[in-house]
Amino acid sequence: MRTPSVSAFARTVRVVLGGLVVLAVVAPPPAAAQDESPARKWNLPYVPYEGQDGKDVVWVPTPEALVEKMLDIAEARPGETLVDLGSGDGRTVIAAARRGLDARGIEYNPDLVDYARKRAAEAGVGDRARFENADIFESDFSDAQVITLFLLPSLNERLRPEILKLKPGTRIVSNTFGMGDWPVDDMAEVGDDCSAWCTALLWVVPASVEGEWRVGDRVLKLDQKFQLVEGALGDRPISLGRVWGEDVTFVVDGVHYTGTVNGRTIEGTTSKGGSWSATRS
């Protein structure tokens, strides 16, 4: 994966402001200069190295143990499509393909793309592991059920608007770095022997429930920020509102409501054993 490493930032400026370390990535050379790598220029075998320059960040591989943890927390299943944004040497795509997923990596560095394709062929998963030489910010990954990444928080936030447009239920897993003020839905750690890059963060793209809905003769008004929901059912406030993919839950006067969003309708049950439905106004 194409990733940042605080310890390996060969092209990073460190500035101390009020006790905080601010990291600023120096722009990489133009694409034309990147294309003339020593390996290509002299027709030498290409081997990537930790900390090498990239378009947006330097490259540092995700530890194999964390790759597996990321796939576990995403509950990646055979037959699903996984897209790795900044796929580097291909290890995440290859690991997903070994689990039976249709896995695709998007990588800007053509040398890394070639290297990853060779690794996938050697691993016997070349038919399920594909790699595109492209810019992640100009690529379509809307077919994915699972997206993996290891990028700086600022890059995650640049991707966030497109990620939130994906089909509800799409799982996003990041190595270590967050998505700004979008809270995580879950997280997992590699074992005690891990010394760096040990955390997998999970988000599930929520359905849009913002607005007014009719529930019988009452109005359900929902205010949504990412997966968190506030509002009221009639004149009664709701609490513990949350959206997980297409599923929505909230509590009104001690009664738990659960439902599934399907376009302009929500249908579900309550903790009292009854059913309920809502139609968008």
Protein backbone atom coordinates (compact mmCIF):
# COMPACT_ATOMS: atom_id res chain seq x y z
CA MET A 1 0.00 0.00 0.00
CA ARG A 2 1.11 3.58 -0.57
CA THR A 3 1.39 4.92 2.93
CA PRO A 4 2.90 7.58 5.17
CA SER A 5 5.43 6.81 7.86
CA VAL A 6 6.30 9.42 10.47
CA SER A 7 9.57 7.60 11.17
CA ALA A 8 10.49 7.25 7.50
CA PHE A 9 9.45 10.57 6.00
CA ALA A 10 12.53 11.29 3.93
CA ARG A 11 10.80 14.27 2.34
CA THR A 12 8.89 15.63 5.32
CA VAL A 13 9.46 18.93 7.08
CA ARG A 14 8.97 18.90 10.86
CA VAL A 15 7.88 22.13 12.53
CA VAL A 16 7.30 22.45 16.27
CA LEU A 17 4.48 24.80 17.23
CA GLY A 18 3.40 25.06 20.84
CA GLY A 19 4.58 21.57 21.60
CA LEU A 20 2.86 20.04 18.53
CA VAL A 21 4.79 18.45 15.69
CA VAL A 22 3.38 19.53 12.34
CA LEU A 23 4.26 17.40 9.31
CA ALA A 24 4.32 18.88 5.83
CA VAL A 25 5.00 16.67 2.83
CA VAL A 26 7.29 18.18 0.22
CA ALA A 27 5.88 17.81 -3.28
CA PRO A 28 7.34 14.89 -5.28
CA PRO A 29 9.05 15.40 -8.62
CA PRO A 30 6.86 15.61 -11.73
CA ALA A 31 5.37 12.43 -13.13
CA ALA A 32 7.80 12.51 -16.06
CA ALA A 33 10.73 12.43 -13.64
CA GLN A 34 9.15 9.55 -11.71
CA ASP A 35 8.78 7.53 -14.91
CA GLU A 36 12.57 7.64 -15.41
CA SER A 37 13.38 5.50 -12.41
CA PRO A 38 16.80 3.79 -12.36
CA ALA A 39 15.09 0.44 -12.86
CA ARG A 40 13.37 1.59 -16.03
CA LYS A 41 16.28 3.66 -17.31
CA TRP A 42 18.84 0.87 -16.99
CA ASN A 43 16.46 -2.08 -17.34
CA LEU A 44 17.29 -3.34 -13.86
CA PRO A 45 15.09 -5.49 -11.58
CA TYR A 46 12.86 -3.19 -9.54
CA VAL A 47 12.64 -3.63 -5.76
CA PRO A 48 10.68 -1.06 -3.74
CA TYR A 49 12.15 0.28 -0.52
CA GLU A 50 10.53 1.69 2.58
CA GLY A 51 10.38 5.49 2.51
CA GLN A 52 10.68 5.89 -1.26
CA ASP A 53 9.05 8.97 -2.75
CA GLY A 54 5.54 8.88 -4.08
CA LYS A 55 3.01 11.26 -5.59
CA ASP A 56 1.25 12.21 -2.35
CA VAL A 57 3.22 10.40 0.36
CA VAL A 58 6.25 8.19 0.77
CA TRP A 59 5.70 4.44 0.58
CA VAL A 60 5.78 2.27 3.68
CA PRO A 61 4.30 -1.24 3.58
CA THR A 62 1.53 -2.26 5.93
CA PRO A 63 2.70 -5.15 8.16
CA GLU A 64 1.30 -8.48 6.97
CA ALA A 65 -0.37 -9.09 10.34
CA LEU A 66 -2.26 -5.82 10.08
CA VAL A 67 -3.28 -6.57 6.49
CA GLU A 68 -5.01 -9.70 7.77
CA LYS A 69 -6.54 -7.79 10.69
CA MET A 70 -7.92 -5.17 8.30
CA LEU A 71 -9.56 -7.86 6.18
CA ASP A 72 -10.94 -9.50 9.32
CA ILE A 73 -12.50 -6.34 10.74
CA ALA A 74 -14.04 -5.58 7.32
CA GLU A 75 -15.51 -9.10 7.29
CA ALA A 76 -14.26 -9.39 3.72
CA ARG A 77 -16.00 -12.34 2.08
CA PRO A 78 -15.27 -14.46 -1.01
CA GLY A 79 -16.90 -13.03 -4.11
CA GLU A 80 -16.87 -9.45 -2.87
CA THR A 81 -14.92 -6.67 -4.55
CA LEU A 82 -12.09 -5.01 -2.63
CA VAL A 83 -10.25 -1.91 -3.83
CA ASP A 84 -6.97 -0.86 -2.23
CA LEU A 85 -6.32 2.86 -2.71
CA GLY A 86 -2.55 3.27 -3.10
CA SER A 87 -1.76 -0.41 -3.40
CA GLY A 88 2.06 -0.22 -3.31
CA ASP A 89 3.66 -3.66 -3.58
CA GLY A 90 0.23 -5.31 -3.78
CA ARG A 91 0.25 -7.16 -0.48
CA THR A 92 -3.30 -6.19 0.58
CA VAL A 93 -4.76 -7.00 -2.84
CA ILE A 94 -2.95 -10.33 -2.90
CA ALA A 95 -4.09 -11.21 0.63
CA ALA A 96 -7.70 -10.39 -0.32
CA ALA A 97 -7.45 -12.45 -3.50
CA ARG A 98 -6.19 -15.40 -1.45
CA ARG A 99 -9.44 -15.13 0.53
CA GLY A 100 -11.45 -15.41 -2.67
CA LEU A 101 -12.23 -11.72 -3.24
CA ASP A 102 -12.11 -9.92 -6.56
CA ALA A 103 -9.33 -7.52 -5.52
CA ARG A 104 -8.06 -4.45 -7.31
CA GLY A 105 -5.26 -2.05 -6.45
CA ILE A 106 -4.96 1.53 -7.68
CA GLU A 107 -1.36 2.74 -7.68
CA TYR A 108 0.28 5.82 -9.23
CA ASN A 109 3.83 4.43 -9.48
CA PRO A 110 4.12 2.24 -12.62
CA ASP A 111 7.12 0.36 -11.19
CA LEU A 112 5.09 -0.65 -8.14
CA VAL A 113 2.21 -1.71 -10.39
CA ASP A 114 4.48 -4.01 -12.40
CA TYR A 115 6.08 -5.33 -9.22
CA ALA A 116 2.67 -6.06 -7.66
CA ARG A 117 1.47 -7.88 -10.77
CA LYS A 118 4.53 -10.13 -10.66
CA ARG A 119 3.96 -10.85 -6.97
CA ALA A 120 0.30 -11.71 -7.62
CA ALA A 121 1.28 -14.10 -10.41
CA GLU A 122 3.89 -15.74 -8.18
CA ALA A 123 1.26 -16.11 -5.44
CA GLY A 124 -1.07 -17.85 -7.87
CA VAL A 125 -3.81 -15.20 -7.65
CA GLY A 126 -3.13 -13.23 -10.81
CA ASP A 127 -6.65 -13.97 -12.04
CA ARG A 128 -8.28 -12.32 -9.00
CA ALA A 129 -5.69 -9.64 -8.16
CA ARG A 130 -5.60 -6.74 -10.62
CA PHE A 131 -3.64 -3.49 -10.52
CA GLU A 132 -4.34 -0.17 -12.21
CA ASN A 133 -1.69 2.47 -12.84
CA ALA A 134 -3.82 5.51 -11.96
CA ASP A 135 -4.38 8.40 -9.58
CA ILE A 136 -6.71 7.44 -6.73
CA PHE A 137 -8.30 10.91 -6.84
CA GLU A 138 -9.27 10.42 -10.47
CA SER A 139 -10.38 6.79 -10.25
CA ASP A 140 -13.79 5.13 -9.95
CA PHE A 141 -14.01 2.67 -7.07
CA SER A 142 -17.80 2.68 -6.72
CA ASP A 143 -17.98 -1.08 -7.37
CA ALA A 144 -16.20 -1.93 -4.12
CA GLN A 145 -17.83 -3.53 -1.10
CA VAL A 146 -14.55 -3.10 0.82
CA ILE A 147 -12.00 -0.30 0.50
CA THR A 148 -8.61 -0.37 2.19
CA LEU A 149 -6.12 2.46 2.54
CA PHE A 150 -3.08 3.72 4.41
CA LEU A 151 -2.85 7.44 3.73
CA LEU A 152 -2.33 10.66 5.62
CA PRO A 153 -5.46 12.01 7.38
CA SER A 154 -5.55 14.97 4.98
CA LEU A 155 -5.71 12.58 2.02
CA ASN A 156 -8.39 10.49 3.72
CA GLU A 157 -10.46 13.64 4.12
CA ARG A 158 -10.00 14.49 0.44
CA LEU A 159 -11.39 11.06 -0.41
CA ARG A 160 -14.19 11.22 2.16
CA PRO A 161 -16.81 13.01 0.01
CA GLU A 162 -16.54 10.31 -2.68
CA ILE A 163 -16.49 7.54 -0.10
CA LEU A 164 -19.71 8.80 1.47
CA LYS A 165 -21.39 8.58 -1.95
CA LEU A 166 -20.74 4.84 -2.09
CA LYS A 167 -23.48 2.29 -1.56
CA PRO A 168 -24.60 2.13 2.08
CA GLY A 169 -22.88 -0.77 3.80
CA THR A 170 -19.57 -0.36 1.98
CA ARG A 171 -16.78 -0.99 4.51
CA ILE A 172 -13.78 1.30 4.69
CA VAL A 173 -10.67 0.16 6.57
CA SER A 174 -7.66 2.36 7.26
CA ASN A 175 -4.29 1.52 8.72
CA THR A 176 -3.92 3.86 11.72
CA PHE A 177 -5.14 7.17 10.26
CA GLY A 178 -8.65 8.59 10.66
CA MET A 179 -11.22 10.36 8.51
CA GLY A 180 -11.32 13.74 10.22
CA ASP A 181 -14.46 14.14 12.35
CA TRP A 182 -16.11 10.99 10.96
CA PRO A 183 -16.14 8.68 14.03
CA VAL A 184 -14.98 5.11 13.57
CA ASP A 185 -17.55 2.32 13.72
CA ASP A 186 -15.04 -0.20 15.01
CA MET A 187 -11.33 -0.72 15.52
CA ALA A 188 -8.94 -3.61 16.12
CA GLU A 189 -5.34 -3.97 17.22
CA VAL A 190 -2.62 -6.39 16.22
CA GLY A 191 -1.09 -8.38 19.10
CA ASP A 192 1.30 -7.16 21.78
CA ASP A 193 4.37 -7.89 19.66
CA CYS A 194 3.42 -5.14 17.19
CA SER A 195 5.63 -2.03 17.47
CA ALA A 196 4.32 0.22 14.66
CA TRP A 197 1.25 0.44 12.42
CA CYS A 198 -0.84 -1.79 14.65
CA THR A 199 -4.38 -0.38 14.37
CA ALA A 200 -7.17 -1.09 11.89
CA LEU A 201 -9.99 1.47 11.79
CA LEU A 202 -13.39 0.63 10.28
CA TRP A 203 -16.17 2.82 8.91
CA VAL A 204 -19.40 1.61 7.32
CA VAL A 205 -20.92 3.98 4.76
CA PRO A 206 -24.29 5.05 6.23
CA ALA A 207 -27.54 5.44 4.35
CA SER A 208 -28.86 8.98 4.18
CA VAL A 209 -31.78 9.41 6.62
CA GLU A 210 -31.56 13.17 7.12
CA GLY A 211 -34.93 14.93 6.93
CA GLU A 212 -38.59 14.31 7.73
CA TRP A 213 -40.40 10.97 7.57
CA ARG A 214 -44.07 10.08 8.17
CA VAL A 215 -44.69 7.39 10.78
CA GLY A 216 -48.45 6.98 10.87
CA ASP A 217 -49.85 10.33 11.95
CA ARG A 218 -46.54 11.47 13.44
CA VAL A 219 -43.47 13.10 11.92
CA LEU A 220 -40.05 11.55 12.44
CA LYS A 221 -37.47 14.30 12.07
CA LEU A 222 -33.88 13.14 11.80
CA ASP A 223 -30.69 15.21 11.90
CA GLN A 224 -27.72 13.15 10.70
CA LYS A 225 -23.98 13.61 10.95
CA PHE A 226 -22.25 10.66 9.36
CA GLN A 227 -23.60 7.58 11.21
CA LEU A 228 -24.96 9.51 14.22
CA VAL A 229 -28.59 10.61 14.32
CA GLU A 230 -30.58 12.98 16.52
CA GLY A 231 -34.15 14.24 16.23
CA ALA A 232 -37.69 13.59 17.40
CA LEU A 233 -40.68 11.36 16.78
CA GLY A 234 -43.63 13.68 17.10
CA ASP A 235 -42.93 15.72 20.22
CA ARG A 236 -40.73 13.05 21.80
CA PRO A 237 -36.93 13.27 21.40
CA ILE A 238 -34.97 10.29 20.13
CA SER A 239 -31.73 9.07 21.66
CA LEU A 240 -28.95 6.63 20.73
CA GLY A 241 -29.65 7.19 17.04
CA ARG A 242 -27.25 5.44 14.71
CA VAL A 243 -27.03 4.25 11.11
CA TRP A 244 -24.99 1.18 10.17
CA GLY A 245 -25.11 0.76 6.42
CA GLU A 246 -28.82 0.49 5.59
CA ASP A 247 -29.86 -0.22 9.20
CA VAL A 248 -31.05 2.53 11.52
CA THR A 249 -31.69 2.34 15.26
CA PHE A 250 -32.93 4.83 17.86
CA VAL A 251 -34.80 4.97 21.17
CA VAL A 252 -37.98 6.89 22.00
CA ASP A 253 -39.32 6.84 25.57
CA GLY A 254 -37.42 3.66 26.32
CA VAL A 255 -38.69 1.83 23.23
CA HIS A 256 -35.98 0.67 20.80
CA TYR A 257 -36.72 1.09 17.11
CA THR A 258 -34.75 -0.79 14.47
CA GLY A 259 -35.35 -0.52 10.75
CA THR A 260 -33.89 -0.95 7.29
CA VAL A 261 -33.70 1.93 4.85
CA ASN A 262 -34.90 1.15 1.35
CA GLY A 263 -34.90 4.29 -0.74
CA ARG A 264 -37.75 6.48 0.51
CA THR A 265 -39.02 4.00 3.11
CA ILE A 266 -37.88 2.51 6.40
CA GLU A 267 -39.40 -0.69 7.73
CA GLY A 268 -38.64 -2.38 11.02
CA THR A 269 -39.67 -3.52 14.46
CA THR A 270 -39.72 -2.19 18.02
CA SER A 271 -38.57 -3.72 21.29
CA LYS A 272 -42.26 -4.06 22.23
CA GLY A 273 -42.70 -6.61 19.47
CA GLY A 274 -44.57 -4.41 17.03
CA SER A 275 -43.67 -3.25 13.55
CA TRP A 276 -43.24 0.27 12.23
CA SER A 277 -42.65 1.93 8.90
CA ALA A 278 -41.74 5.39 7.72
CA THR A 279 -42.06 7.18 4.39
CA ARG A 280 -39.91 10.15 3.47
CA SER A 281 -41.98 13.34 3.33
